[in-house]
Amino acid sequence: MATSSHLMELPTKVLIGTGVISELWGFIRDSAGHEPPIIAAGPNVRSRVQSSIDQALRGRGNWVTVDAPDMRNVKHVMKASLGSRCIIGVGGGKSVDVGKLAAFRRGLPFFSVPTSASHDGISSPFASIRGLDRPFSVKARPPLGILADVDIIASSPRKLLAAGCGDLVAKLTAVRDWELAHKKTGEYYGGYAAHLARMSATVVTDSSRTIGEFRKDGVRELVEALISAGVAAGIAGSSRPCSGAEHLFSHYLDLSAPGVGLHGEKCGLGTIMMAKLQRLDWRLIRSSLRNVHAPTSAKEIGISDSQVVEALLRASSIRPERFTILTERGLNRAQAIHLAQSTGVI
């Protein structure tokens, strides 16, 4: 079967290590030129790292506060970037996504400076932004460069690091969904991208106890795996190796229970259930999430049983063109309740 063509876009450079925030100016200098870069960051993150970044940039840089991952903030960063030659997204999720889409729409280089390891958006070519015509990630471009200071990331709330583990194990079920779609619909399937995403996920299942101690070596491994997963999406030219039915489950909860739970936490719950449908070792996934102190039940993140069941029944409507295990199985309400109860999610 002939495969359609697609464009691969990947980060050009990655700098990871302890104390590397001090090297930020040298990292971006060729792109920034003589103009101050725009630095998009949330207020809490800004209070944590502004002094270190200001020192690294030698007083250059104009800060823009990002308070939500929505189009209002994207437009704010775009407007602020007039006259600048690059944008830096500093944070764990919303600021990186907002900065990434703003840079894409302005045609500017984007640099990702994660302060936590909560999801693979730090390296992927996709951005999750509210206020668009779709409740899921949209295509942008991957960061030109990623600078990850392990000291800063290791000092972030452990809840965020645990959420990153949830987003990583999701690659196990996402890849299986991608294989299923290839078999059932002839959709393009890239074996290398799938292998890379799956390998990134096994960092959590193989090393969950070490990661759960949140030492710097475990945090670094987690960050490298998240970067690798984002690169897999760039190689595939789509989010397929990183996002399957478990992400649709999470996206539906974003609509039905807005603001409740972190993205990676909800993906982790979805992965446990989808893994059972796919006949993967869902108990290993659940125990791995417990080892990294991530939630394994809806109650732990404040989501009701009925919201979980409704999400299982309606998640496929988020992206009806994306074939997943939920498309194939077509759960009824009794089956959805049984799935959630039998895995301990409700």
Foldseek 3Di string as FASTA:
>chain_A
DDADDFAFFFAQEEAEEAPCLLQVCVVCVVQFPPAAAEEEEAPVQCVVCVVSNCNSNVNGYDYDHDDAQAVVLLVVSLVVCVVTQEYEQEEAASSLQSRQQSCQVNVHAYEYEYLEQQALSSFAQWHQYPDDPALGIDGGHGHNYYYYHLVRHLPDDLQRNLLNLLLLLLLVQLLVFLVVCCVPPVHDDDPVLLVQSNVLNVLLLVCLLVVLVSDSVSRSSSNVSSNSNNSSCSVVNHCRSRDALLQLLLSLCCVVPNPFDDSSLSSLLSSLLSCVLVVHPSVSSLVSSVSNVRDNAPVVRPDDLVSSLVSLQCSCVSPVVRGGSSNVVNDDSVRSSCSCVVSRRD
